[in-house]
């Protein structure tokens, strides 16, 4: 019987694919949205491979110059200037950091954007979840504190998946049974990419509304003013003061009036990290970690050059950076790593 990923693994071992392309096979199969599929196909076609191989070759040339200057210092030969070497190293480091920075976007493509609905009790978070899912998934009642635990569901918005967490209402002096739910809300908020902060302007502004903004802190957020189908109890000037610096979305989760504004805003938040003219992103944490370490090694090499230390010390860091690039591409690998990667494949791939 074939083992999980056996045929893709054979293609890698026989040099038909590099490791990034082999991983992309699994990503194509598991892709849950158009963005995830397009990103995986780009990687399968060798987009990431070509980029990293080009950087690896540049570092190989730098390393050759460094090694030659070490071995033939007394032969009267002319080698590349230290200024040119530093420029090449810095250019590769900059390129690597761009790829590292793309990981947040790539992870959202591959896994979906994590969104937590937060608000005080009875502002309509569960109704909003049901509207996003287009089904009655969460229990909705007129009683505050109905949701005592977090509820996580997936939804698709255009070409992106989002993972939505409905959470217990945040308020001062909760009941004992609510306290654990509130702690879980805070944990979900900490792990999320985006907070959707829900308010109910049909009820007077109180200290719990202010507490909510403090709880969200610096987390990226969208502010929603729900229950637009009810008479507003917040004066316009009060909203402007309390929402200073925000661009709230007004809607009704009950009638769906204004709901398109929320879905459009969520989609923009999900793709907001896309770079103009730059479609290549990394989607795996393994890639991010190795590229981060490679960039750090090159930063050390650049600092060593500036400090006018010997070529031997510079070469050590350049070699380390090349090893990390090689680990991403599969130029150097351990069997345990391959077992871990291909063990996640389905049988027959």
C-alpha atoms as a PDB file:
ATOM      1  CA  UNK A   1       0.000   0.000   0.000  1.00  0.00           C
ATOM      2  CA  UNK A   2       1.155   3.504  -0.799  1.00  0.00           C
ATOM      3  CA  UNK A   3       2.096   5.665   2.184  1.00  0.00           C
ATOM      4  CA  UNK A   4       0.698   9.226   2.576  1.00  0.00           C
ATOM      5  CA  UNK A   5       2.453  11.485   0.080  1.00  0.00           C
ATOM      6  CA  UNK A   6       4.586   8.639  -1.278  1.00  0.00           C
ATOM      7  CA  UNK A   7       4.428   9.605  -4.949  1.00  0.00           C
ATOM      8  CA  UNK A   8       5.087  13.305  -4.334  1.00  0.00           C
ATOM      9  CA  UNK A   9       7.940  12.307  -2.044  1.00  0.00           C
ATOM     10  CA  UNK A  10       9.428  10.148  -4.786  1.00  0.00           C
ATOM     11  CA  UNK A  11       9.197  13.084  -7.193  1.00  0.00           C
ATOM     12  CA  UNK A  12      11.096  15.231  -4.676  1.00  0.00           C
ATOM     13  CA  UNK A  13      13.766  12.625  -3.942  1.00  0.00           C
ATOM     14  CA  UNK A  14      14.298  12.067  -7.682  1.00  0.00           C
ATOM     15  CA  UNK A  15      14.704  15.786  -8.328  1.00  0.00           C
ATOM     16  CA  UNK A  16      11.458  16.349 -10.245  1.00  0.00           C
ATOM     17  CA  UNK A  17      10.227  18.840  -7.614  1.00  0.00           C
ATOM     18  CA  UNK A  18      11.938  20.826  -4.918  1.00  0.00           C
ATOM     19  CA  UNK A  19      10.533  20.834  -1.382  1.00  0.00           C
ATOM     20  CA  UNK A  20       8.498  24.035  -1.794  1.00  0.00           C
ATOM     21  CA  UNK A  21       6.800  22.577  -4.882  1.00  0.00           C
ATOM     22  CA  UNK A  22       6.140  19.287  -3.095  1.00  0.00           C
ATOM     23  CA  UNK A  23       4.503  21.150  -0.211  1.00  0.00           C
ATOM     24  CA  UNK A  24       2.422  23.081  -2.745  1.00  0.00           C
ATOM     25  CA  UNK A  25       0.846  19.809  -3.937  1.00  0.00           C
ATOM     26  CA  UNK A  26      -0.746  19.408  -0.494  1.00  0.00           C
ATOM     27  CA  UNK A  27      -1.746  23.076  -0.477  1.00  0.00           C
ATOM     28  CA  UNK A  28      -3.543  22.702  -3.828  1.00  0.00           C
ATOM     29  CA  UNK A  29      -5.504  19.743  -2.460  1.00  0.00           C
ATOM     30  CA  UNK A  30      -6.353  21.482   0.817  1.00  0.00           C
ATOM     31  CA  UNK A  31      -7.092  24.924  -0.633  1.00  0.00           C
ATOM     32  CA  UNK A  32     -10.446  26.219   0.611  1.00  0.00           C
ATOM     33  CA  UNK A  33     -10.651  29.433  -1.420  1.00  0.00           C
ATOM     34  CA  UNK A  34      -9.634  30.902  -4.762  1.00  0.00           C
ATOM     35  CA  UNK A  35      -6.830  32.921  -3.167  1.00  0.00           C
ATOM     36  CA  UNK A  36      -5.425  29.815  -1.462  1.00  0.00           C
ATOM     37  CA  UNK A  37      -5.620  27.822  -4.710  1.00  0.00           C
ATOM     38  CA  UNK A  38      -3.949  30.527  -6.820  1.00  0.00           C
ATOM     39  CA  UNK A  39      -1.172  30.938  -4.266  1.00  0.00           C
ATOM     40  CA  UNK A  40      -0.578  27.160  -4.135  1.00  0.00           C
ATOM     41  CA  UNK A  41      -0.541  26.843  -7.931  1.00  0.00           C
ATOM     42  CA  UNK A  42       1.974  29.693  -8.190  1.00  0.00           C
ATOM     43  CA  UNK A  43       4.226  27.871  -5.738  1.00  0.00           C
ATOM     44  CA  UNK A  44       3.729  24.539  -7.520  1.00  0.00           C
ATOM     45  CA  UNK A  45       4.810  26.169 -10.789  1.00  0.00           C
ATOM     46  CA  UNK A  46       8.055  27.197  -9.120  1.00  0.00           C
ATOM     47  CA  UNK A  47       7.442  30.862  -8.312  1.00  0.00           C
ATOM     48  CA  UNK A  48       8.949  30.654  -4.831  1.00  0.00           C
ATOM     49  CA  UNK A  49      11.635  28.220  -5.986  1.00  0.00           C
ATOM     50  CA  UNK A  50      12.927  30.584  -8.673  1.00  0.00           C
ATOM     51  CA  UNK A  51      13.002  33.507  -6.266  1.00  0.00           C
ATOM     52  CA  UNK A  52      14.886  31.622  -3.559  1.00  0.00           C
ATOM     53  CA  UNK A  53      17.256  29.889  -5.982  1.00  0.00           C
ATOM     54  CA  UNK A  54      18.173  33.292  -7.402  1.00  0.00           C
ATOM     55  CA  UNK A  55      18.965  34.593  -3.919  1.00  0.00           C
ATOM     56  CA  UNK A  56      20.901  31.413  -3.123  1.00  0.00           C
ATOM     57  CA  UNK A  57      23.010  31.849  -6.275  1.00  0.00           C
ATOM     58  CA  UNK A  58      23.771  35.464  -5.366  1.00  0.00           C
ATOM     59  CA  UNK A  59      24.987  34.375  -1.934  1.00  0.00           C
ATOM     60  CA  UNK A  60      26.997  31.571  -3.540  1.00  0.00           C
ATOM     61  CA  UNK A  61      28.851  34.173  -5.644  1.00  0.00           C
ATOM     62  CA  UNK A  62      29.420  36.322  -2.565  1.00  0.00           C
ATOM     63  CA  UNK A  63      30.747  33.296  -0.700  1.00  0.00           C
ATOM     64  CA  UNK A  64      33.088  32.424  -3.580  1.00  0.00           C
ATOM     65  CA  UNK A  65      34.561  35.945  -3.496  1.00  0.00           C
ATOM     66  CA  UNK A  66      35.011  35.776   0.273  1.00  0.00           C
ATOM     67  CA  UNK A  67      36.652  32.347   0.180  1.00  0.00           C
ATOM     68  CA  UNK A  68      38.972  33.389  -2.649  1.00  0.00           C
ATOM     69  CA  UNK A  69      40.066  36.514  -0.797  1.00  0.00           C
ATOM     70  CA  UNK A  70      40.830  34.344   2.242  1.00  0.00           C
ATOM     71  CA  UNK A  71      42.789  31.666   0.341  1.00  0.00           C
ATOM     72  CA  UNK A  72      44.715  33.869  -2.127  1.00  0.00           C
ATOM     73  CA  UNK A  73      45.511  37.006  -0.154  1.00  0.00           C
ATOM     74  CA  UNK A  74      49.198  36.919  -1.098  1.00  0.00           C
ATOM     75  CA  UNK A  75      48.852  36.140  -4.815  1.00  0.00           C
ATOM     76  CA  UNK A  76      48.265  39.712  -5.984  1.00  0.00           C
ATOM     77  CA  UNK A  77      44.770  38.958  -7.282  1.00  0.00           C
ATOM     78  CA  UNK A  78      41.958  41.538  -7.338  1.00  0.00           C
ATOM     79  CA  UNK A  79      38.685  40.645  -5.639  1.00  0.00           C
ATOM     80  CA  UNK A  80      35.289  42.267  -5.330  1.00  0.00           C
ATOM     81  CA  UNK A  81      35.332  45.328  -3.061  1.00  0.00           C
ATOM     82  CA  UNK A  82      33.826  45.067   0.405  1.00  0.00           C
ATOM     83  CA  UNK A  83      31.357  47.805  -0.562  1.00  0.00           C
ATOM     84  CA  UNK A  84      30.012  45.711  -3.452  1.00  0.00           C
ATOM     85  CA  UNK A  85      29.862  42.644  -1.229  1.00  0.00           C
ATOM     86  CA  UNK A  86      27.896  44.542   1.385  1.00  0.00           C
ATOM     87  CA  UNK A  87      25.499  45.878  -1.239  1.00  0.00           C
ATOM     88  CA  UNK A  88      24.771  42.360  -2.495  1.00  0.00           C
ATOM     89  CA  UNK A  89      24.253  41.045   1.024  1.00  0.00           C
ATOM     90  CA  UNK A  90      21.903  43.888   1.908  1.00  0.00           C
ATOM     91  CA  UNK A  91      19.870  43.419  -1.286  1.00  0.00           C
ATOM     92  CA  UNK A  92      19.341  39.735  -0.506  1.00  0.00           C
ATOM     93  CA  UNK A  93      18.442  40.552   3.106  1.00  0.00           C
ATOM     94  CA  UNK A  94      15.866  43.113   1.949  1.00  0.00           C
ATOM     95  CA  UNK A  95      14.314  40.603  -0.438  1.00  0.00           C
ATOM     96  CA  UNK A  96      14.134  37.956   2.290  1.00  0.00           C
ATOM     97  CA  UNK A  97      12.468  40.338   4.729  1.00  0.00           C
ATOM     98  CA  UNK A  98       9.820  41.164   2.110  1.00  0.00           C
ATOM     99  CA  UNK A  99       9.041  37.468   1.852  1.00  0.00           C
ATOM    100  CA  UNK A 100       8.952  37.104   5.641  1.00  0.00           C
ATOM    101  CA  UNK A 101       6.585  40.068   5.830  1.00  0.00           C
ATOM    102  CA  UNK A 102       4.296  38.361   3.293  1.00  0.00           C
ATOM    103  CA  UNK A 103       3.700  35.430   5.661  1.00  0.00           C
ATOM    104  CA  UNK A 104       0.719  37.043   7.396  1.00  0.00           C
ATOM    105  CA  UNK A 105      -1.004  37.446   4.045  1.00  0.00           C
ATOM    106  CA  UNK A 106       0.000  33.973   2.904  1.00  0.00           C
ATOM    107  CA  UNK A 107      -1.271  32.385   6.115  1.00  0.00           C
ATOM    108  CA  UNK A 108      -4.626  34.128   5.635  1.00  0.00           C
ATOM    109  CA  UNK A 109      -4.783  32.762   2.069  1.00  0.00           C
ATOM    110  CA  UNK A 110      -3.977  29.249   3.237  1.00  0.00           C
ATOM    111  CA  UNK A 111      -5.801  29.031   6.574  1.00  0.00           C
ATOM    112  CA  UNK A 112      -8.294  31.900   6.481  1.00  0.00           C
ATOM    113  CA  UNK A 113      -8.486  35.144   8.447  1.00  0.00           C
ATOM    114  CA  UNK A 114      -9.383  34.697  12.117  1.00  0.00           C
ATOM    115  CA  UNK A 115     -12.131  37.139  13.144  1.00  0.00           C
ATOM    116  CA  UNK A 116     -13.541  37.510  16.655  1.00  0.00           C
ATOM    117  CA  UNK A 117     -16.914  39.143  17.260  1.00  0.00           C
ATOM    118  CA  UNK A 118     -16.732  41.091  20.508  1.00  0.00           C
ATOM    119  CA  UNK A 119     -19.225  43.279  22.287  1.00  0.00           C
ATOM    120  CA  UNK A 120     -21.158  43.589  25.516  1.00  0.00           C
ATOM    121  CA  UNK A 121     -24.077  41.178  26.066  1.00  0.00           C
ATOM    122  CA  UNK A 122     -27.129  41.401  23.769  1.00  0.00           C
ATOM    123  CA  UNK A 123     -25.640  43.679  21.090  1.00  0.00           C
ATOM    124  CA  UNK A 124     -26.372  41.101  18.370  1.00  0.00           C
ATOM    125  CA  UNK A 125     -23.065  39.229  17.947  1.00  0.00           C
ATOM    126  CA  UNK A 126     -24.764  35.857  17.475  1.00  0.00           C
ATOM    127  CA  UNK A 127     -27.240  37.349  14.983  1.00  0.00           C
ATOM    128  CA  UNK A 128     -24.268  38.784  13.098  1.00  0.00           C
ATOM    129  CA  UNK A 129     -22.580  35.362  13.057  1.00  0.00           C
ATOM    130  CA  UNK A 130     -25.737  33.752  11.671  1.00  0.00           C
ATOM    131  CA  UNK A 131     -25.958  36.440   8.996  1.00  0.00           C
ATOM    132  CA  UNK A 132     -22.339  35.859   7.935  1.00  0.00           C
ATOM    133  CA  UNK A 133     -22.897  32.088   7.815  1.00  0.00           C
ATOM    134  CA  UNK A 134     -26.309  32.487   6.178  1.00  0.00           C
ATOM    135  CA  UNK A 135     -27.728  29.931   8.600  1.00  0.00           C
ATOM    136  CA  UNK A 136     -29.031  29.795  12.181  1.00  0.00           C
ATOM    137  CA  UNK A 137     -25.874  28.433  13.792  1.00  0.00           C
ATOM    138  CA  UNK A 138     -25.813  30.405  17.059  1.00  0.00           C
ATOM    139  CA  UNK A 139     -28.680  30.580  19.546  1.00  0.00           C
ATOM    140  CA  UNK A 140     -30.293  34.027  19.580  1.00  0.00           C
ATOM    141  CA  UNK A 141     -32.589  35.228  22.365  1.00  0.00           C
ATOM    142  CA  UNK A 142     -33.658  38.562  23.823  1.00  0.00           C
ATOM    143  CA  UNK A 143     -31.845  37.730  27.079  1.00  0.00           C
ATOM    144  CA  UNK A 144     -28.398  39.178  27.722  1.00  0.00           C
ATOM    145  CA  UNK A 145     -25.627  36.651  28.280  1.00  0.00           C
ATOM    146  CA  UNK A 146     -27.110  33.832  26.155  1.00  0.00           C
ATOM    147  CA  UNK A 147     -23.668  33.072  24.711  1.00  0.00           C
ATOM    148  CA  UNK A 148     -21.532  31.704  27.537  1.00  0.00           C
ATOM    149  CA  UNK A 149     -18.741  30.143  25.458  1.00  0.00           C
ATOM    150  CA  UNK A 150     -16.918  30.816  22.190  1.00  0.00           C
ATOM    151  CA  UNK A 151     -18.345  29.349  18.980  1.00  0.00           C
ATOM    152  CA  UNK A 152     -16.072  29.019  15.930  1.00  0.00           C
ATOM    153  CA  UNK A 153     -17.317  28.640  12.357  1.00  0.00           C
ATOM    154  CA  UNK A 154     -15.959  29.102   8.822  1.00  0.00           C
ATOM    155  CA  UNK A 155     -17.480  31.355   6.187  1.00  0.00           C
ATOM    156  CA  UNK A 156     -16.464  32.319   2.680  1.00  0.00           C
ATOM    157  CA  UNK A 157     -16.433  35.951   1.586  1.00  0.00           C
ATOM    158  CA  UNK A 158     -15.761  36.304  -2.125  1.00  0.00           C
ATOM    159  CA  UNK A 159     -12.401  34.531  -2.669  1.00  0.00           C
ATOM    160  CA  UNK A 160     -11.287  34.403   0.984  1.00  0.00           C
ATOM    161  CA  UNK A 161     -12.171  32.134   3.902  1.00  0.00           C
ATOM    162  CA  UNK A 162     -12.624  33.586   7.366  1.00  0.00           C
ATOM    163  CA  UNK A 163     -12.841  31.778  10.685  1.00  0.00           C
ATOM    164  CA  UNK A 164     -15.412  33.610  12.816  1.00  0.00           C
ATOM    165  CA  UNK A 165     -15.527  33.288  16.592  1.00  0.00           C
ATOM    166  CA  UNK A 166     -18.708  34.340  18.370  1.00  0.00           C
ATOM    167  CA  UNK A 167     -17.820  35.172  21.950  1.00  0.00           C
ATOM    168  CA  UNK A 168     -19.380  35.770  25.338  1.00  0.00           C
ATOM    169  CA  UNK A 169     -20.344  39.377  26.035  1.00  0.00           C
ATOM    170  CA  UNK A 170     -17.795  41.541  27.846  1.00  0.00           C
ATOM    171  CA  UNK A 171     -19.061  43.503  30.830  1.00  0.00           C
ATOM    172  CA  UNK A 172     -18.136  44.518  34.364  1.00  0.00           C
ATOM    173  CA  UNK A 173     -19.248  42.335  37.272  1.00  0.00           C
ATOM    174  CA  UNK A 174     -20.291  39.267  35.242  1.00  0.00           C
ATOM    175  CA  UNK A 175     -22.042  36.277  36.773  1.00  0.00           C
ATOM    176  CA  UNK A 176     -19.761  33.443  37.895  1.00  0.00           C
ATOM    177  CA  UNK A 177     -20.680  31.271  34.907  1.00  0.00           C
ATOM    178  CA  UNK A 178     -19.936  34.168  32.542  1.00  0.00           C
ATOM    179  CA  UNK A 179     -16.418  34.732  33.871  1.00  0.00           C
ATOM    180  CA  UNK A 180     -14.947  31.653  32.164  1.00  0.00           C
ATOM    181  CA  UNK A 181     -16.665  32.623  28.897  1.00  0.00           C
ATOM    182  CA  UNK A 182     -15.176  36.105  29.105  1.00  0.00           C
ATOM    183  CA  UNK A 183     -11.698  34.658  29.650  1.00  0.00           C
ATOM    184  CA  UNK A 184     -12.193  32.522  26.542  1.00  0.00           C
ATOM    185  CA  UNK A 185     -13.291  35.625  24.673  1.00  0.00           C
ATOM    186  CA  UNK A 186     -10.042  37.324  25.609  1.00  0.00           C
ATOM    187  CA  UNK A 187      -8.041  34.266  24.511  1.00  0.00           C
ATOM    188  CA  UNK A 188      -9.851  34.202  21.144  1.00  0.00           C
ATOM    189  CA  UNK A 189      -9.264  37.919  20.706  1.00  0.00           C
ATOM    190  CA  UNK A 190      -5.559  37.452  21.343  1.00  0.00           C
ATOM    191  CA  UNK A 191      -5.274  34.813  18.574  1.00  0.00           C
ATOM    192  CA  UNK A 192      -7.417  36.645  16.037  1.00  0.00           C
ATOM    193  CA  UNK A 193      -6.250  38.680  13.052  1.00  0.00           C
ATOM    194  CA  UNK A 194      -9.185  41.065  13.341  1.00  0.00           C
ATOM    195  CA  UNK A 195     -11.749  42.098  15.948  1.00  0.00           C
ATOM    196  CA  UNK A 196     -15.257  43.033  14.842  1.00  0.00           C
ATOM    197  CA  UNK A 197     -16.389  45.292  17.681  1.00  0.00           C
ATOM    198  CA  UNK A 198     -20.186  45.332  17.860  1.00  0.00           C
ATOM    199  CA  UNK A 199     -22.208  48.095  19.533  1.00  0.00           C
ATOM    200  CA  UNK A 200     -25.947  48.594  20.028  1.00  0.00           C
ATOM    201  CA  UNK A 201     -26.790  52.299  19.559  1.00  0.00           C
ATOM    202  CA  UNK A 202     -30.442  51.576  20.427  1.00  0.00           C
ATOM    203  CA  UNK A 203     -29.323  51.391  24.070  1.00  0.00           C
ATOM    204  CA  UNK A 204     -27.648  54.275  25.970  1.00  0.00           C
ATOM    205  CA  UNK A 205     -23.867  54.435  25.947  1.00  0.00           C
ATOM    206  CA  UNK A 206     -22.440  53.064  29.227  1.00  0.00           C
ATOM    207  CA  UNK A 207     -19.176  52.052  30.901  1.00  0.00           C
ATOM    208  CA  UNK A 208     -19.270  48.583  29.324  1.00  0.00           C
ATOM    209  CA  UNK A 209     -19.017  50.172  25.875  1.00  0.00           C
ATOM    210  CA  UNK A 210     -15.887  52.011  26.992  1.00  0.00           C
ATOM    211  CA  UNK A 211     -14.548  48.816  28.594  1.00  0.00           C
ATOM    212  CA  UNK A 212     -14.934  47.080  25.244  1.00  0.00           C
ATOM    213  CA  UNK A 213     -12.660  49.508  23.407  1.00  0.00           C
ATOM    214  CA  UNK A 214     -10.043  49.092  26.144  1.00  0.00           C
ATOM    215  CA  UNK A 215     -10.196  45.289  25.843  1.00  0.00           C
ATOM    216  CA  UNK A 216      -9.610  45.399  22.082  1.00  0.00           C
ATOM    217  CA  UNK A 217      -6.656  47.749  22.529  1.00  0.00           C
ATOM    218  CA  UNK A 218      -4.361  47.957  19.469  1.00  0.00           C
ATOM    219  CA  UNK A 219      -5.812  44.893  17.734  1.00  0.00           C
ATOM    220  CA  UNK A 220      -6.838  45.604  14.089  1.00  0.00           C
ATOM    221  CA  UNK A 221     -10.608  46.104  14.145  1.00  0.00           C
ATOM    222  CA  UNK A 222     -13.827  46.955  12.400  1.00  0.00           C
ATOM    223  CA  UNK A 223     -16.452  48.829  14.412  1.00  0.00           C
ATOM    224  CA  UNK A 224     -20.078  47.855  13.771  1.00  0.00           C
ATOM    225  CA  UNK A 225     -23.145  49.759  14.922  1.00  0.00           C
ATOM    226  CA  UNK A 226     -25.824  47.073  14.898  1.00  0.00           C
ATOM    227  CA  UNK A 227     -29.641  47.233  15.163  1.00  0.00           C
ATOM    228  CA  UNK A 228     -30.077  50.102  12.740  1.00  0.00           C
ATOM    229  CA  UNK A 229     -33.703  48.955  12.429  1.00  0.00           C
ATOM    230  CA  UNK A 230     -34.366  50.299  15.961  1.00  0.00           C
ATOM    231  CA  UNK A 231     -34.551  53.934  17.094  1.00  0.00           C
ATOM    232  CA  UNK A 232     -31.102  55.268  18.008  1.00  0.00           C
ATOM    233  CA  UNK A 233     -30.386  56.219  21.620  1.00  0.00           C
ATOM    234  CA  UNK A 234     -26.953  57.651  20.864  1.00  0.00           C
ATOM    235  CA  UNK A 235     -26.926  61.313  19.878  1.00  0.00           C
ATOM    236  CA  UNK A 236     -24.895  61.976  16.723  1.00  0.00           C
ATOM    237  CA  UNK A 237     -22.361  64.148  18.535  1.00  0.00           C
ATOM    238  CA  UNK A 238     -21.902  61.420  21.156  1.00  0.00           C
ATOM    239  CA  UNK A 239     -21.158  58.859  18.452  1.00  0.00           C
ATOM    240  CA  UNK A 240     -18.589  61.166  16.846  1.00  0.00           C
ATOM    241  CA  UNK A 241     -16.867  61.733  20.179  1.00  0.00           C
ATOM    242  CA  UNK A 242     -16.851  58.076  21.252  1.00  0.00           C
ATOM    243  CA  UNK A 243     -15.905  56.796  17.797  1.00  0.00           C
ATOM    244  CA  UNK A 244     -13.162  59.344  17.160  1.00  0.00           C
ATOM    245  CA  UNK A 245     -10.732  57.957  14.591  1.00  0.00           C
ATOM    246  CA  UNK A 246     -13.051  55.074  13.636  1.00  0.00           C
ATOM    247  CA  UNK A 247     -15.180  54.549  10.543  1.00  0.00           C
ATOM    248  CA  UNK A 248     -18.122  52.568  11.952  1.00  0.00           C
ATOM    249  CA  UNK A 249     -20.301  50.383   9.758  1.00  0.00           C
ATOM    250  CA  UNK A 250     -24.009  50.835  10.423  1.00  0.00           C
ATOM    251  CA  UNK A 251     -26.194  47.797   9.754  1.00  0.00           C
ATOM    252  CA  UNK A 252     -28.967  45.538  10.982  1.00  0.00           C
ATOM    253  CA  UNK A 253     -28.120  41.862  11.446  1.00  0.00           C
ATOM    254  CA  UNK A 254     -31.879  41.246  11.590  1.00  0.00           C
ATOM    255  CA  UNK A 255     -32.941  42.899   8.313  1.00  0.00           C
ATOM    256  CA  UNK A 256     -29.473  42.699   6.653  1.00  0.00           C
ATOM    257  CA  UNK A 257     -29.670  46.392   5.759  1.00  0.00           C
ATOM    258  CA  UNK A 258     -26.101  47.638   5.312  1.00  0.00           C
ATOM    259  CA  UNK A 259     -24.732  44.094   5.591  1.00  0.00           C
ATOM    260  CA  UNK A 260     -22.838  44.312   2.275  1.00  0.00           C
ATOM    261  CA  UNK A 261     -20.719  47.082   3.766  1.00  0.00           C
ATOM    262  CA  UNK A 262     -19.505  44.671   6.437  1.00  0.00           C
ATOM    263  CA  UNK A 263     -18.670  41.844   4.027  1.00  0.00           C
ATOM    264  CA  UNK A 264     -16.810  44.252   1.740  1.00  0.00           C
ATOM    265  CA  UNK A 265     -14.869  45.662   4.695  1.00  0.00           C
ATOM    266  CA  UNK A 266     -13.967  42.149   5.907  1.00  0.00           C
ATOM    267  CA  UNK A 267     -12.712  41.216   2.449  1.00  0.00           C
ATOM    268  CA  UNK A 268     -10.614  44.374   2.232  1.00  0.00           C
ATOM    269  CA  UNK A 269      -9.096  43.636   5.645  1.00  0.00           C
ATOM    270  CA  UNK A 270      -8.273  40.109   4.511  1.00  0.00           C
ATOM    271  CA  UNK A 271      -6.477  41.213   1.327  1.00  0.00           C
ATOM    272  CA  UNK A 272      -5.259  44.559   2.703  1.00  0.00           C
ATOM    273  CA  UNK A 273      -1.694  43.278   3.050  1.00  0.00           C
ATOM    274  CA  UNK A 274      -1.350  42.572  -0.657  1.00  0.00           C
ATOM    275  CA  UNK A 275       1.562  44.468  -2.143  1.00  0.00           C
ATOM    276  CA  UNK A 276       1.209  46.329  -5.414  1.00  0.00           C
ATOM    277  CA  UNK A 277       3.066  44.449  -8.157  1.00  0.00           C
ATOM    278  CA  UNK A 278       4.046  41.660  -5.744  1.00  0.00           C
ATOM    279  CA  UNK A 279       1.946  38.508  -5.896  1.00  0.00           C
ATOM    280  CA  UNK A 280       4.399  36.047  -4.321  1.00  0.00           C
ATOM    281  CA  UNK A 281       3.695  35.207  -0.685  1.00  0.00           C
ATOM    282  CA  UNK A 282       4.917  32.480   1.652  1.00  0.00           C
ATOM    283  CA  UNK A 283       2.222  30.390   3.301  1.00  0.00           C
ATOM    284  CA  UNK A 284       4.037  28.067   5.676  1.00  0.00           C
ATOM    285  CA  UNK A 285       5.509  28.814   9.071  1.00  0.00           C
ATOM    286  CA  UNK A 286       8.498  26.576   8.283  1.00  0.00           C
ATOM    287  CA  UNK A 287       9.390  28.830   5.366  1.00  0.00           C
ATOM    288  CA  UNK A 288       8.897  31.977   7.441  1.00  0.00           C
ATOM    289  CA  UNK A 289      11.183  30.736  10.233  1.00  0.00           C
ATOM    290  CA  UNK A 290      14.041  29.726   7.915  1.00  0.00           C
ATOM    291  CA  UNK A 291      13.842  32.922   5.858  1.00  0.00           C
ATOM    292  CA  UNK A 292      13.767  35.012   9.035  1.00  0.00           C
ATOM    293  CA  UNK A 293      16.903  33.289  10.290  1.00  0.00           C
ATOM    294  CA  UNK A 294      18.589  33.697   6.909  1.00  0.00           C
ATOM    295  CA  UNK A 295      17.808  37.428   6.921  1.00  0.00           C
ATOM    296  CA  UNK A 296      19.155  37.741  10.472  1.00  0.00           C
ATOM    297  CA  UNK A 297      22.373  35.960   9.478  1.00  0.00           C
ATOM    298  CA  UNK A 298      22.854  38.355   6.560  1.00  0.00           C
ATOM    299  CA  UNK A 299      22.213  41.317   8.841  1.00  0.00           C
ATOM    300  CA  UNK A 300      25.026  40.032  11.074  1.00  0.00           C
ATOM    301  CA  UNK A 301      27.264  39.615   8.022  1.00  0.00           C
ATOM    302  CA  UNK A 302      26.560  43.194   6.974  1.00  0.00           C
ATOM    303  CA  UNK A 303      27.363  44.471  10.474  1.00  0.00           C
ATOM    304  CA  UNK A 304      30.588  42.482  10.436  1.00  0.00           C
ATOM    305  CA  UNK A 305      31.549  44.094   7.130  1.00  0.00           C
ATOM    306  CA  UNK A 306      30.846  47.569   8.494  1.00  0.00           C
ATOM    307  CA  UNK A 307      33.005  46.802  11.525  1.00  0.00           C
ATOM    308  CA  UNK A 308      35.856  45.908   9.140  1.00  0.00           C
ATOM    309  CA  UNK A 309      36.263  42.389  10.550  1.00  0.00           C
ATOM    310  CA  UNK A 310      37.913  39.608   8.561  1.00  0.00           C
ATOM    311  CA  UNK A 311      36.326  37.745   5.659  1.00  0.00           C
ATOM    312  CA  UNK A 312      36.310  34.511   7.680  1.00  0.00           C
ATOM    313  CA  UNK A 313      33.700  35.917  10.090  1.00  0.00           C
ATOM    314  CA  UNK A 314      31.575  37.301   7.255  1.00  0.00           C
ATOM    315  CA  UNK A 315      31.676  33.955   5.442  1.00  0.00           C
ATOM    316  CA  UNK A 316      30.315  32.146   8.517  1.00  0.00           C
ATOM    317  CA  UNK A 317      27.085  34.172   8.471  1.00  0.00           C
ATOM    318  CA  UNK A 318      26.719  33.981   4.684  1.00  0.00           C
ATOM    319  CA  UNK A 319      27.082  30.189   4.901  1.00  0.00           C
ATOM    320  CA  UNK A 320      24.418  30.080   7.625  1.00  0.00           C
ATOM    321  CA  UNK A 321      22.021  32.102   5.460  1.00  0.00           C
ATOM    322  CA  UNK A 322      22.593  29.727   2.530  1.00  0.00           C
ATOM    323  CA  UNK A 323      21.891  26.734   4.765  1.00  0.00           C
ATOM    324  CA  UNK A 324      18.527  28.187   5.784  1.00  0.00           C
ATOM    325  CA  UNK A 325      17.610  28.873   2.145  1.00  0.00           C
ATOM    326  CA  UNK A 326      18.673  25.335   1.301  1.00  0.00           C
ATOM    327  CA  UNK A 327      16.415  23.983   4.055  1.00  0.00           C
ATOM    328  CA  UNK A 328      13.400  25.717   2.516  1.00  0.00           C
ATOM    329  CA  UNK A 329      14.170  24.400  -0.965  1.00  0.00           C
ATOM    330  CA  UNK A 330      15.153  20.929   0.209  1.00  0.00           C
ATOM    331  CA  UNK A 331      18.787  21.261  -0.863  1.00  0.00           C
ATOM    332  CA  UNK A 332      19.597  20.057   2.646  1.00  0.00           C
ATOM    333  CA  UNK A 333      17.074  18.047   4.639  1.00  0.00           C
ATOM    334  CA  UNK A 334      16.611  15.406   7.313  1.00  0.00           C
ATOM    335  CA  UNK A 335      14.456  12.301   6.973  1.00  0.00           C
ATOM    336  CA  UNK A 336      12.446  13.330  10.039  1.00  0.00           C
ATOM    337  CA  UNK A 337      11.463  16.553   8.285  1.00  0.00           C
ATOM    338  CA  UNK A 338      10.317  14.679   5.195  1.00  0.00           C
ATOM    339  CA  UNK A 339       8.346  12.229   7.337  1.00  0.00           C
ATOM    340  CA  UNK A 340       6.586  15.153   9.022  1.00  0.00           C
ATOM    341  CA  UNK A 341       5.789  16.988   5.782  1.00  0.00           C
ATOM    342  CA  UNK A 342       4.643  14.049   3.656  1.00  0.00           C
ATOM    343  CA  UNK A 343       2.853  12.337   6.543  1.00  0.00           C
ATOM    344  CA  UNK A 344       0.226  15.090   6.252  1.00  0.00           C
ATOM    345  CA  UNK A 345      -0.575  14.193   2.617  1.00  0.00           C
ATOM    346  CA  UNK A 346      -3.474  12.019   1.573  1.00  0.00           C
ATOM    347  CA  UNK A 347      -2.690   8.503   0.280  1.00  0.00           C
ATOM    348  CA  UNK A 348      -2.270   8.457  -3.488  1.00  0.00           C
ATOM    349  CA  UNK A 349      -0.507  11.828  -3.793  1.00  0.00           C
END
